[in-house]
C-alpha atoms as a PDB file:
ATOM      1  CA  UNK A   1      17.598 -33.764  10.984  1.00  0.00           C
ATOM      2  CA  UNK A   2      14.561 -35.969  11.568  1.00  0.00           C
ATOM      3  CA  UNK A   3      11.288 -34.018  11.341  1.00  0.00           C
ATOM      4  CA  UNK A   4       8.582 -36.392  12.684  1.00  0.00           C
ATOM      5  CA  UNK A   5       9.278 -35.300  16.270  1.00  0.00           C
ATOM      6  CA  UNK A   6       8.258 -31.741  15.366  1.00  0.00           C
ATOM      7  CA  UNK A   7       4.610 -32.811  15.326  1.00  0.00           C
ATOM      8  CA  UNK A   8       4.778 -33.838  18.993  1.00  0.00           C
ATOM      9  CA  UNK A   9       3.356 -31.394  21.544  1.00  0.00           C
ATOM     10  CA  UNK A  10       5.497 -33.009  24.295  1.00  0.00           C
ATOM     11  CA  UNK A  11       9.070 -33.555  23.090  1.00  0.00           C
ATOM     12  CA  UNK A  12      12.712 -33.849  24.141  1.00  0.00           C
ATOM     13  CA  UNK A  13      15.886 -32.673  22.357  1.00  0.00           C
ATOM     14  CA  UNK A  14      19.240 -33.850  23.687  1.00  0.00           C
ATOM     15  CA  UNK A  15      22.867 -34.032  22.538  1.00  0.00           C
ATOM     16  CA  UNK A  16      26.145 -32.110  22.559  1.00  0.00           C
ATOM     17  CA  UNK A  17      25.740 -30.272  19.251  1.00  0.00           C
ATOM     18  CA  UNK A  18      24.822 -26.750  20.359  1.00  0.00           C
ATOM     19  CA  UNK A  19      24.036 -25.563  16.831  1.00  0.00           C
ATOM     20  CA  UNK A  20      21.848 -28.599  16.213  1.00  0.00           C
ATOM     21  CA  UNK A  21      19.954 -28.058  19.460  1.00  0.00           C
ATOM     22  CA  UNK A  22      19.317 -24.404  18.734  1.00  0.00           C
ATOM     23  CA  UNK A  23      18.000 -25.178  15.251  1.00  0.00           C
ATOM     24  CA  UNK A  24      15.760 -27.935  16.642  1.00  0.00           C
ATOM     25  CA  UNK A  25      14.330 -25.678  19.360  1.00  0.00           C
ATOM     26  CA  UNK A  26      13.610 -22.876  16.898  1.00  0.00           C
ATOM     27  CA  UNK A  27      11.941 -25.326  14.487  1.00  0.00           C
ATOM     28  CA  UNK A  28       9.731 -26.706  17.275  1.00  0.00           C
ATOM     29  CA  UNK A  29       8.795 -23.220  18.513  1.00  0.00           C
ATOM     30  CA  UNK A  30       7.951 -22.100  14.987  1.00  0.00           C
ATOM     31  CA  UNK A  31       5.519 -24.995  14.690  1.00  0.00           C
ATOM     32  CA  UNK A  32       3.982 -24.914  18.165  1.00  0.00           C
ATOM     33  CA  UNK A  33       4.121 -21.303  19.382  1.00  0.00           C
ATOM     34  CA  UNK A  34       1.879 -18.634  17.894  1.00  0.00           C
ATOM     35  CA  UNK A  35       4.189 -15.596  17.593  1.00  0.00           C
ATOM     36  CA  UNK A  36       1.266 -13.226  18.267  1.00  0.00           C
ATOM     37  CA  UNK A  37       0.683 -14.880  21.649  1.00  0.00           C
ATOM     38  CA  UNK A  38       4.241 -15.888  22.542  1.00  0.00           C
ATOM     39  CA  UNK A  39       4.615 -13.163  25.188  1.00  0.00           C
ATOM     40  CA  UNK A  40       1.582 -14.514  27.041  1.00  0.00           C
ATOM     41  CA  UNK A  41       1.445 -18.249  26.293  1.00  0.00           C
ATOM     42  CA  UNK A  42       5.144 -19.248  26.229  1.00  0.00           C
ATOM     43  CA  UNK A  43       6.920 -19.873  29.530  1.00  0.00           C
ATOM     44  CA  UNK A  44      10.699 -20.371  29.451  1.00  0.00           C
ATOM     45  CA  UNK A  45      11.751 -22.045  32.696  1.00  0.00           C
ATOM     46  CA  UNK A  46      15.045 -21.253  34.357  1.00  0.00           C
ATOM     47  CA  UNK A  47      17.930 -23.490  33.338  1.00  0.00           C
ATOM     48  CA  UNK A  48      17.822 -26.691  35.332  1.00  0.00           C
ATOM     49  CA  UNK A  49      14.545 -25.905  37.094  1.00  0.00           C
ATOM     50  CA  UNK A  50      13.115 -28.854  39.080  1.00  0.00           C
ATOM     51  CA  UNK A  51      10.091 -30.930  38.060  1.00  0.00           C
ATOM     52  CA  UNK A  52       7.670 -29.117  40.426  1.00  0.00           C
ATOM     53  CA  UNK A  53       8.388 -25.828  38.626  1.00  0.00           C
ATOM     54  CA  UNK A  54       7.870 -27.468  35.228  1.00  0.00           C
ATOM     55  CA  UNK A  55       4.533 -28.920  36.338  1.00  0.00           C
ATOM     56  CA  UNK A  56       3.461 -25.593  37.871  1.00  0.00           C
ATOM     57  CA  UNK A  57       4.225 -23.821  34.582  1.00  0.00           C
ATOM     58  CA  UNK A  58       2.165 -26.377  32.655  1.00  0.00           C
ATOM     59  CA  UNK A  59      -0.775 -25.900  35.011  1.00  0.00           C
ATOM     60  CA  UNK A  60      -1.003 -22.144  34.510  1.00  0.00           C
ATOM     61  CA  UNK A  61      -4.168 -21.007  32.768  1.00  0.00           C
ATOM     62  CA  UNK A  62      -3.969 -20.563  29.016  1.00  0.00           C
ATOM     63  CA  UNK A  63      -4.474 -16.891  28.064  1.00  0.00           C
ATOM     64  CA  UNK A  64      -7.825 -16.130  26.474  1.00  0.00           C
ATOM     65  CA  UNK A  65      -7.411 -16.307  22.712  1.00  0.00           C
ATOM     66  CA  UNK A  66      -4.302 -18.521  22.707  1.00  0.00           C
ATOM     67  CA  UNK A  67      -4.588 -22.151  21.606  1.00  0.00           C
ATOM     68  CA  UNK A  68      -2.242 -23.615  24.199  1.00  0.00           C
ATOM     69  CA  UNK A  69       0.108 -22.968  27.072  1.00  0.00           C
ATOM     70  CA  UNK A  70       3.696 -23.817  25.999  1.00  0.00           C
ATOM     71  CA  UNK A  71       6.577 -24.534  28.392  1.00  0.00           C
ATOM     72  CA  UNK A  72      10.242 -24.651  27.347  1.00  0.00           C
ATOM     73  CA  UNK A  73      12.970 -25.975  29.673  1.00  0.00           C
ATOM     74  CA  UNK A  74      16.259 -24.864  28.012  1.00  0.00           C
ATOM     75  CA  UNK A  75      18.732 -26.853  30.158  1.00  0.00           C
ATOM     76  CA  UNK A  76      17.001 -29.884  31.621  1.00  0.00           C
ATOM     77  CA  UNK A  77      19.911 -32.300  32.191  1.00  0.00           C
ATOM     78  CA  UNK A  78      19.397 -32.365  35.954  1.00  0.00           C
ATOM     79  CA  UNK A  79      15.832 -33.614  35.499  1.00  0.00           C
ATOM     80  CA  UNK A  80      17.246 -36.924  34.261  1.00  0.00           C
ATOM     81  CA  UNK A  81      19.926 -37.509  36.914  1.00  0.00           C
ATOM     82  CA  UNK A  82      17.661 -39.749  38.995  1.00  0.00           C
ATOM     83  CA  UNK A  83      15.844 -41.788  36.384  1.00  0.00           C
ATOM     84  CA  UNK A  84      14.181 -44.076  38.939  1.00  0.00           C
ATOM     85  CA  UNK A  85      12.904 -41.222  41.116  1.00  0.00           C
ATOM     86  CA  UNK A  86      10.483 -39.569  38.702  1.00  0.00           C
ATOM     87  CA  UNK A  87       7.541 -38.219  40.780  1.00  0.00           C
ATOM     88  CA  UNK A  88       4.272 -40.049  40.165  1.00  0.00           C
ATOM     89  CA  UNK A  89       2.450 -36.843  39.192  1.00  0.00           C
ATOM     90  CA  UNK A  90       5.143 -36.003  36.662  1.00  0.00           C
ATOM     91  CA  UNK A  91       5.199 -39.528  35.288  1.00  0.00           C
ATOM     92  CA  UNK A  92       1.443 -39.466  34.747  1.00  0.00           C
ATOM     93  CA  UNK A  93       1.671 -36.111  32.995  1.00  0.00           C
ATOM     94  CA  UNK A  94       4.419 -37.369  30.675  1.00  0.00           C
ATOM     95  CA  UNK A  95       2.648 -40.636  29.937  1.00  0.00           C
ATOM     96  CA  UNK A  96      -0.629 -38.924  28.996  1.00  0.00           C
ATOM     97  CA  UNK A  97       0.032 -35.308  28.012  1.00  0.00           C
ATOM     98  CA  UNK A  98      -3.126 -33.253  28.625  1.00  0.00           C
ATOM     99  CA  UNK A  99      -4.789 -31.175  25.960  1.00  0.00           C
ATOM    100  CA  UNK A 100      -4.047 -27.472  25.784  1.00  0.00           C
ATOM    101  CA  UNK A 101      -0.426 -27.619  26.983  1.00  0.00           C
ATOM    102  CA  UNK A 102       2.866 -28.208  25.198  1.00  0.00           C
ATOM    103  CA  UNK A 103       6.326 -29.011  26.582  1.00  0.00           C
ATOM    104  CA  UNK A 104       9.828 -29.071  25.141  1.00  0.00           C
ATOM    105  CA  UNK A 105      12.703 -30.364  27.295  1.00  0.00           C
ATOM    106  CA  UNK A 106      16.249 -29.584  26.147  1.00  0.00           C
ATOM    107  CA  UNK A 107      19.323 -31.404  27.503  1.00  0.00           C
ATOM    108  CA  UNK A 108      22.871 -30.338  26.627  1.00  0.00           C
ATOM    109  CA  UNK A 109      24.310 -33.843  26.923  1.00  0.00           C
ATOM    110  CA  UNK A 110      23.372 -37.080  25.189  1.00  0.00           C
ATOM    111  CA  UNK A 111      21.058 -38.984  27.520  1.00  0.00           C
ATOM    112  CA  UNK A 112      21.592 -42.728  27.645  1.00  0.00           C
ATOM    113  CA  UNK A 113      18.694 -45.049  26.801  1.00  0.00           C
ATOM    114  CA  UNK A 114      20.305 -48.065  28.490  1.00  0.00           C
ATOM    115  CA  UNK A 115      18.522 -49.916  31.349  1.00  0.00           C
ATOM    116  CA  UNK A 116      18.758 -47.916  34.564  1.00  0.00           C
ATOM    117  CA  UNK A 117      19.915 -44.799  32.729  1.00  0.00           C
ATOM    118  CA  UNK A 118      18.152 -41.508  31.982  1.00  0.00           C
ATOM    119  CA  UNK A 119      15.956 -42.734  29.107  1.00  0.00           C
ATOM    120  CA  UNK A 120      15.991 -46.427  29.922  1.00  0.00           C
ATOM    121  CA  UNK A 121      12.553 -46.702  31.528  1.00  0.00           C
ATOM    122  CA  UNK A 122       8.961 -45.559  31.067  1.00  0.00           C
ATOM    123  CA  UNK A 123       7.731 -43.044  30.125  1.00  0.00           C
ATOM    124  CA  UNK A 124      10.881 -42.235  28.131  1.00  0.00           C
ATOM    125  CA  UNK A 125      10.957 -45.598  26.318  1.00  0.00           C
ATOM    126  CA  UNK A 126       7.408 -44.860  25.159  1.00  0.00           C
ATOM    127  CA  UNK A 127       8.496 -41.372  24.109  1.00  0.00           C
ATOM    128  CA  UNK A 128      11.249 -42.894  21.982  1.00  0.00           C
ATOM    129  CA  UNK A 129       8.832 -45.344  20.327  1.00  0.00           C
ATOM    130  CA  UNK A 130       6.357 -42.574  19.549  1.00  0.00           C
ATOM    131  CA  UNK A 131       9.052 -40.321  18.063  1.00  0.00           C
ATOM    132  CA  UNK A 132       9.014 -37.636  20.746  1.00  0.00           C
ATOM    133  CA  UNK A 133      12.813 -37.626  21.224  1.00  0.00           C
ATOM    134  CA  UNK A 134      15.421 -36.048  18.947  1.00  0.00           C
ATOM    135  CA  UNK A 135      19.128 -36.753  19.535  1.00  0.00           C
ATOM    136  CA  UNK A 136      21.627 -34.320  18.037  1.00  0.00           C
ATOM    137  CA  UNK A 137      25.370 -34.171  18.190  1.00  0.00           C
ATOM    138  CA  UNK A 138      26.982 -37.561  18.495  1.00  0.00           C
ATOM    139  CA  UNK A 139      28.276 -39.169  15.327  1.00  0.00           C
ATOM    140  CA  UNK A 140      28.964 -42.881  15.356  1.00  0.00           C
ATOM    141  CA  UNK A 141      32.744 -43.604  15.418  1.00  0.00           C
ATOM    142  CA  UNK A 142      32.704 -45.254  11.990  1.00  0.00           C
ATOM    143  CA  UNK A 143      31.025 -42.164  10.501  1.00  0.00           C
ATOM    144  CA  UNK A 144      33.405 -39.523  11.916  1.00  0.00           C
ATOM    145  CA  UNK A 145      36.131 -39.711   9.191  1.00  0.00           C
ATOM    146  CA  UNK A 146      33.547 -39.396   6.417  1.00  0.00           C
ATOM    147  CA  UNK A 147      31.863 -36.467   8.174  1.00  0.00           C
ATOM    148  CA  UNK A 148      35.195 -34.638   8.541  1.00  0.00           C
ATOM    149  CA  UNK A 149      36.088 -35.218   4.887  1.00  0.00           C
ATOM    150  CA  UNK A 150      32.678 -34.004   3.718  1.00  0.00           C
ATOM    151  CA  UNK A 151      32.805 -30.843   5.830  1.00  0.00           C
ATOM    152  CA  UNK A 152      36.389 -30.151   4.686  1.00  0.00           C
ATOM    153  CA  UNK A 153      35.329 -30.464   1.044  1.00  0.00           C
ATOM    154  CA  UNK A 154      32.526 -27.930   1.602  1.00  0.00           C
ATOM    155  CA  UNK A 155      35.183 -25.434   2.682  1.00  0.00           C
ATOM    156  CA  UNK A 156      37.550 -26.410  -0.121  1.00  0.00           C
ATOM    157  CA  UNK A 157      40.125 -27.815   2.311  1.00  0.00           C
ATOM    158  CA  UNK A 158      42.517 -30.692   1.607  1.00  0.00           C
ATOM    159  CA  UNK A 159      43.450 -32.732   4.694  1.00  0.00           C
ATOM    160  CA  UNK A 160      47.078 -33.814   4.471  1.00  0.00           C
ATOM    161  CA  UNK A 161      48.512 -37.003   5.969  1.00  0.00           C
ATOM    162  CA  UNK A 162      47.041 -37.775   9.391  1.00  0.00           C
ATOM    163  CA  UNK A 163      45.325 -34.377   9.755  1.00  0.00           C
ATOM    164  CA  UNK A 164      41.853 -35.902   9.465  1.00  0.00           C
ATOM    165  CA  UNK A 165      42.477 -38.677  11.982  1.00  0.00           C
ATOM    166  CA  UNK A 166      44.061 -36.234  14.467  1.00  0.00           C
ATOM    167  CA  UNK A 167      41.031 -33.957  14.169  1.00  0.00           C
ATOM    168  CA  UNK A 168      38.741 -36.935  14.837  1.00  0.00           C
ATOM    169  CA  UNK A 169      40.843 -37.940  17.843  1.00  0.00           C
ATOM    170  CA  UNK A 170      40.869 -34.430  19.325  1.00  0.00           C
ATOM    171  CA  UNK A 171      37.254 -33.423  18.643  1.00  0.00           C
ATOM    172  CA  UNK A 172      35.488 -36.789  18.957  1.00  0.00           C
ATOM    173  CA  UNK A 173      32.033 -37.263  17.446  1.00  0.00           C
ATOM    174  CA  UNK A 174      30.685 -33.770  18.159  1.00  0.00           C
ATOM    175  CA  UNK A 175      29.733 -32.256  14.762  1.00  0.00           C
ATOM    176  CA  UNK A 176      29.499 -28.710  16.112  1.00  0.00           C
ATOM    177  CA  UNK A 177      33.013 -28.890  17.526  1.00  0.00           C
ATOM    178  CA  UNK A 178      34.403 -30.435  14.333  1.00  0.00           C
ATOM    179  CA  UNK A 179      32.808 -27.702  12.211  1.00  0.00           C
ATOM    180  CA  UNK A 180      34.161 -24.987  14.499  1.00  0.00           C
ATOM    181  CA  UNK A 181      37.695 -26.350  14.210  1.00  0.00           C
ATOM    182  CA  UNK A 182      37.421 -26.621  10.417  1.00  0.00           C
ATOM    183  CA  UNK A 183      36.193 -23.019  10.209  1.00  0.00           C
ATOM    184  CA  UNK A 184      39.325 -21.884  12.056  1.00  0.00           C
ATOM    185  CA  UNK A 185      41.490 -24.050   9.793  1.00  0.00           C
ATOM    186  CA  UNK A 186      39.744 -22.464   6.797  1.00  0.00           C
ATOM    187  CA  UNK A 187      41.103 -19.093   7.913  1.00  0.00           C
ATOM    188  CA  UNK A 188      44.615 -20.438   8.483  1.00  0.00           C
ATOM    189  CA  UNK A 189      45.056 -22.555   5.362  1.00  0.00           C
ATOM    190  CA  UNK A 190      45.946 -19.998   2.684  1.00  0.00           C
ATOM    191  CA  UNK A 191      46.834 -22.736   0.193  1.00  0.00           C
ATOM    192  CA  UNK A 192      43.782 -24.846   1.269  1.00  0.00           C
ATOM    193  CA  UNK A 193      46.104 -27.590   2.580  1.00  0.00           C
ATOM    194  CA  UNK A 194      45.566 -28.583   6.219  1.00  0.00           C
ATOM    195  CA  UNK A 195      48.517 -30.260   7.905  1.00  0.00           C
ATOM    196  CA  UNK A 196      48.685 -32.288  11.115  1.00  0.00           C
ATOM    197  CA  UNK A 197      50.631 -29.479  12.791  1.00  0.00           C
ATOM    198  CA  UNK A 198      47.865 -26.992  11.976  1.00  0.00           C
ATOM    199  CA  UNK A 199      45.217 -29.288  13.467  1.00  0.00           C
ATOM    200  CA  UNK A 200      47.329 -29.704  16.612  1.00  0.00           C
ATOM    201  CA  UNK A 201      47.706 -25.933  16.929  1.00  0.00           C
ATOM    202  CA  UNK A 202      44.030 -25.161  16.352  1.00  0.00           C
ATOM    203  CA  UNK A 203      42.501 -27.811  18.600  1.00  0.00           C
ATOM    204  CA  UNK A 204      44.822 -26.887  21.475  1.00  0.00           C
ATOM    205  CA  UNK A 205      44.108 -23.182  21.155  1.00  0.00           C
ATOM    206  CA  UNK A 206      40.349 -23.623  20.956  1.00  0.00           C
ATOM    207  CA  UNK A 207      40.248 -25.356  24.333  1.00  0.00           C
ATOM    208  CA  UNK A 208      42.779 -22.979  25.880  1.00  0.00           C
ATOM    209  CA  UNK A 209      40.984 -19.854  24.674  1.00  0.00           C
ATOM    210  CA  UNK A 210      37.641 -20.990  26.084  1.00  0.00           C
ATOM    211  CA  UNK A 211      39.251 -21.569  29.484  1.00  0.00           C
ATOM    212  CA  UNK A 212      40.773 -18.067  29.389  1.00  0.00           C
ATOM    213  CA  UNK A 213      37.452 -16.556  28.252  1.00  0.00           C
ATOM    214  CA  UNK A 214      35.756 -18.223  31.216  1.00  0.00           C
ATOM    215  CA  UNK A 215      38.322 -17.092  33.801  1.00  0.00           C
ATOM    216  CA  UNK A 216      38.585 -13.629  32.256  1.00  0.00           C
ATOM    217  CA  UNK A 217      34.835 -13.114  32.627  1.00  0.00           C
ATOM    218  CA  UNK A 218      34.579 -14.103  36.279  1.00  0.00           C
ATOM    219  CA  UNK A 219      37.667 -12.034  37.116  1.00  0.00           C
ATOM    220  CA  UNK A 220      35.672  -9.043  35.840  1.00  0.00           C
ATOM    221  CA  UNK A 221      32.694 -10.066  37.962  1.00  0.00           C
ATOM    222  CA  UNK A 222      30.766 -10.752  34.739  1.00  0.00           C
ATOM    223  CA  UNK A 223      28.552 -13.653  35.824  1.00  0.00           C
ATOM    224  CA  UNK A 224      26.549 -13.754  32.581  1.00  0.00           C
ATOM    225  CA  UNK A 225      29.713 -13.782  30.448  1.00  0.00           C
ATOM    226  CA  UNK A 226      31.348 -16.432  32.627  1.00  0.00           C
ATOM    227  CA  UNK A 227      28.306 -18.715  32.493  1.00  0.00           C
ATOM    228  CA  UNK A 228      28.096 -18.267  28.713  1.00  0.00           C
ATOM    229  CA  UNK A 229      31.791 -19.153  28.310  1.00  0.00           C
ATOM    230  CA  UNK A 230      31.347 -22.147  30.606  1.00  0.00           C
ATOM    231  CA  UNK A 231      28.336 -23.358  28.631  1.00  0.00           C
ATOM    232  CA  UNK A 232      30.224 -23.082  25.344  1.00  0.00           C
ATOM    233  CA  UNK A 233      33.179 -25.008  26.760  1.00  0.00           C
ATOM    234  CA  UNK A 234      30.950 -27.759  28.143  1.00  0.00           C
ATOM    235  CA  UNK A 235      28.925 -27.960  24.925  1.00  0.00           C
ATOM    236  CA  UNK A 236      32.169 -28.446  23.020  1.00  0.00           C
ATOM    237  CA  UNK A 237      33.102 -31.327  25.298  1.00  0.00           C
ATOM    238  CA  UNK A 238      36.011 -29.627  27.047  1.00  0.00           C
ATOM    239  CA  UNK A 239      37.349 -31.463  30.090  1.00  0.00           C
ATOM    240  CA  UNK A 240      35.864 -29.899  33.283  1.00  0.00           C
ATOM    241  CA  UNK A 241      39.082 -30.549  35.208  1.00  0.00           C
ATOM    242  CA  UNK A 242      40.972 -28.430  32.653  1.00  0.00           C
ATOM    243  CA  UNK A 243      38.685 -25.501  33.462  1.00  0.00           C
ATOM    244  CA  UNK A 244      39.106 -26.179  37.163  1.00  0.00           C
ATOM    245  CA  UNK A 245      42.889 -26.091  36.663  1.00  0.00           C
ATOM    246  CA  UNK A 246      42.581 -22.591  35.204  1.00  0.00           C
ATOM    247  CA  UNK A 247      40.619 -21.458  38.267  1.00  0.00           C
ATOM    248  CA  UNK A 248      43.122 -23.086  40.605  1.00  0.00           C
ATOM    249  CA  UNK A 249      46.007 -21.190  38.948  1.00  0.00           C
ATOM    250  CA  UNK A 250      44.243 -17.871  39.537  1.00  0.00           C
ATOM    251  CA  UNK A 251      43.399 -18.642  43.160  1.00  0.00           C
ATOM    252  CA  UNK A 252      46.963 -19.857  43.689  1.00  0.00           C
ATOM    253  CA  UNK A 253      48.160 -16.404  42.615  1.00  0.00           C
ATOM    254  CA  UNK A 254      46.010 -14.880  45.331  1.00  0.00           C
ATOM    255  CA  UNK A 255      47.700 -17.157  47.872  1.00  0.00           C
ATOM    256  CA  UNK A 256      51.144 -16.196  46.561  1.00  0.00           C
ATOM    257  CA  UNK A 257      50.223 -12.520  46.671  1.00  0.00           C
ATOM    258  CA  UNK A 258      49.211 -12.856  50.335  1.00  0.00           C
ATOM    259  CA  UNK A 259      52.545 -14.564  51.062  1.00  0.00           C
ATOM    260  CA  UNK A 260      54.461 -11.890  49.128  1.00  0.00           C
ATOM    261  CA  UNK A 261      52.747  -9.101  51.071  1.00  0.00           C
ATOM    262  CA  UNK A 262      53.479 -10.875  54.366  1.00  0.00           C
ATOM    263  CA  UNK A 263      57.142 -11.141  53.354  1.00  0.00           C
ATOM    264  CA  UNK A 264      57.275  -7.442  52.447  1.00  0.00           C
ATOM    265  CA  UNK A 265      58.055  -7.979  48.763  1.00  0.00           C
ATOM    266  CA  UNK A 266      57.730  -5.007  46.421  1.00  0.00           C
ATOM    267  CA  UNK A 267      57.487  -4.250  42.704  1.00  0.00           C
ATOM    268  CA  UNK A 268      59.156  -6.820  40.483  1.00  0.00           C
ATOM    269  CA  UNK A 269      59.598  -9.190  43.405  1.00  0.00           C
ATOM    270  CA  UNK A 270      55.830  -9.500  43.726  1.00  0.00           C
ATOM    271  CA  UNK A 271      55.441 -10.128  39.998  1.00  0.00           C
ATOM    272  CA  UNK A 272      58.095 -12.828  40.165  1.00  0.00           C
ATOM    273  CA  UNK A 273      56.408 -14.488  43.131  1.00  0.00           C
ATOM    274  CA  UNK A 274      53.140 -14.665  41.183  1.00  0.00           C
ATOM    275  CA  UNK A 275      54.838 -15.917  38.015  1.00  0.00           C
ATOM    276  CA  UNK A 276      53.933 -12.762  36.081  1.00  0.00           C
ATOM    277  CA  UNK A 277      56.080 -10.871  33.597  1.00  0.00           C
ATOM    278  CA  UNK A 278      56.532  -7.059  33.706  1.00  0.00           C
ATOM    279  CA  UNK A 279      54.050  -6.813  30.802  1.00  0.00           C
ATOM    280  CA  UNK A 280      51.439  -8.473  33.030  1.00  0.00           C
ATOM    281  CA  UNK A 281      51.816  -5.969  35.872  1.00  0.00           C
ATOM    282  CA  UNK A 282      48.359  -4.588  35.078  1.00  0.00           C
ATOM    283  CA  UNK A 283      46.868  -7.839  36.438  1.00  0.00           C
ATOM    284  CA  UNK A 284      48.088  -7.060  39.956  1.00  0.00           C
ATOM    285  CA  UNK A 285      45.268  -4.602  40.648  1.00  0.00           C
ATOM    286  CA  UNK A 286      42.643  -7.288  40.078  1.00  0.00           C
ATOM    287  CA  UNK A 287      44.423  -9.740  42.376  1.00  0.00           C
ATOM    288  CA  UNK A 288      44.865  -7.091  45.077  1.00  0.00           C
ATOM    289  CA  UNK A 289      41.182  -6.113  44.915  1.00  0.00           C
ATOM    290  CA  UNK A 290      40.105  -9.738  45.234  1.00  0.00           C
ATOM    291  CA  UNK A 291      42.507 -10.363  48.107  1.00  0.00           C
ATOM    292  CA  UNK A 292      41.356  -7.237  49.950  1.00  0.00           C
ATOM    293  CA  UNK A 293      37.746  -8.313  49.589  1.00  0.00           C
ATOM    294  CA  UNK A 294      38.269 -11.937  50.595  1.00  0.00           C
ATOM    295  CA  UNK A 295      40.697 -11.437  53.478  1.00  0.00           C
ATOM    296  CA  UNK A 296      42.405 -14.554  54.939  1.00  0.00           C
ATOM    297  CA  UNK A 297      39.184 -16.266  56.024  1.00  0.00           C
ATOM    298  CA  UNK A 298      37.504 -15.760  52.647  1.00  0.00           C
ATOM    299  CA  UNK A 299      40.602 -16.910  50.770  1.00  0.00           C
ATOM    300  CA  UNK A 300      40.690 -20.088  52.845  1.00  0.00           C
ATOM    301  CA  UNK A 301      36.999 -20.691  52.125  1.00  0.00           C
ATOM    302  CA  UNK A 302      37.566 -20.139  48.380  1.00  0.00           C
ATOM    303  CA  UNK A 303      40.396 -22.683  48.364  1.00  0.00           C
ATOM    304  CA  UNK A 304      38.113 -25.136  50.146  1.00  0.00           C
ATOM    305  CA  UNK A 305      35.429 -24.474  47.522  1.00  0.00           C
ATOM    306  CA  UNK A 306      37.914 -25.327  44.759  1.00  0.00           C
ATOM    307  CA  UNK A 307      38.860 -28.581  46.452  1.00  0.00           C
ATOM    308  CA  UNK A 308      35.197 -29.495  46.927  1.00  0.00           C
ATOM    309  CA  UNK A 309      34.482 -28.756  43.261  1.00  0.00           C
ATOM    310  CA  UNK A 310      37.304 -31.093  42.239  1.00  0.00           C
ATOM    311  CA  UNK A 311      35.875 -33.863  44.430  1.00  0.00           C
ATOM    312  CA  UNK A 312      32.417 -33.289  42.985  1.00  0.00           C
ATOM    313  CA  UNK A 313      33.673 -33.344  39.390  1.00  0.00           C
ATOM    314  CA  UNK A 314      35.572 -36.573  39.930  1.00  0.00           C
ATOM    315  CA  UNK A 315      32.561 -38.109  41.648  1.00  0.00           C
ATOM    316  CA  UNK A 316      30.312 -37.135  38.731  1.00  0.00           C
ATOM    317  CA  UNK A 317      32.775 -38.109  36.006  1.00  0.00           C
ATOM    318  CA  UNK A 318      30.313 -40.461  34.330  1.00  0.00           C
ATOM    319  CA  UNK A 319      27.340 -38.092  34.338  1.00  0.00           C
ATOM    320  CA  UNK A 320      29.489 -35.029  33.434  1.00  0.00           C
ATOM    321  CA  UNK A 321      27.237 -32.756  35.490  1.00  0.00           C
ATOM    322  CA  UNK A 322      27.897 -29.026  35.055  1.00  0.00           C
ATOM    323  CA  UNK A 323      26.468 -28.186  38.490  1.00  0.00           C
ATOM    324  CA  UNK A 324      29.801 -28.040  40.414  1.00  0.00           C
ATOM    325  CA  UNK A 325      31.379 -25.690  37.860  1.00  0.00           C
ATOM    326  CA  UNK A 326      28.235 -23.556  37.678  1.00  0.00           C
ATOM    327  CA  UNK A 327      28.334 -23.051  41.440  1.00  0.00           C
ATOM    328  CA  UNK A 328      32.089 -22.413  41.401  1.00  0.00           C
ATOM    329  CA  UNK A 329      31.729 -19.861  38.594  1.00  0.00           C
ATOM    330  CA  UNK A 330      29.288 -17.786  40.636  1.00  0.00           C
ATOM    331  CA  UNK A 331      31.522 -18.080  43.725  1.00  0.00           C
ATOM    332  CA  UNK A 332      34.535 -16.826  41.748  1.00  0.00           C
ATOM    333  CA  UNK A 333      32.494 -13.947  40.268  1.00  0.00           C
ATOM    334  CA  UNK A 334      31.519 -12.813  43.742  1.00  0.00           C
ATOM    335  CA  UNK A 335      35.134 -13.097  44.922  1.00  0.00           C
ATOM    336  CA  UNK A 336      36.533 -10.940  42.099  1.00  0.00           C
ATOM    337  CA  UNK A 337      33.677  -8.455  41.675  1.00  0.00           C
ATOM    338  CA  UNK A 338      34.412  -4.934  42.847  1.00  0.00           C
END
């Protein structure tokens, strides 16, 4: 990891590697935040807070005795969605950072530096030249096979046949995701030999399990757990429409339950209508509670919310914004909470 950026009082970390981002943030905080004054001088903005809130935090008075006021924005992707619409006051602040304040912006995705894109204009081009920006996560395509081989050797694994190329195809250039898959393979490969079939099994299950962890949390009304599962899935590059498909299956069961009740179905007939096995009968209580809370009007509104989320995701396919799924997650938590 490059270290020159650590000296910058105004800096940006971006990229899909969650582990890399966390390490970078902790390294920057260790250098710029006095632990004795952290409770008073460090402001952690809400995820995705707008520019006015960031500026307001920077303008707060520095506590007596502290060297500087420090502001951390832990999920700042939305601040870069409209690269050409940066407010003049913000632009001036970023071009000439004032004394006595420090700022670290953190974006989960890799921000493009191309013309017209997030980092393709001033002041971000100047930030890049002055070493204020650290990119973590994306490995160049030509470097992916070597990275996988090196990480496999660290774990004492031997990649057989096309196992390495399949892993590269499934996990892309995200080092955190590649390492996570190899750690699972390390547990499975008793003889240290990793086959193509094992890679296929592991990469499929990783994505599937995160989708189930996400839906399982919001079905319990656990907003914090659902948002955490969603963040992990998005950090690992999982397809948003796959997560949406999981939500649609659960809402579809609510619709089928309403139809089954209207038809007077009982017991096993209801399970069959919902596509559940007798061993999954315990799930019925959760569906019934949600249906009783939503009622027909609420269920119709929830279905409309799903359809709108799908339209939003497809419309934001290039930017891969998490906003539609964040909003949907909270809506689903409210629908299922008791």
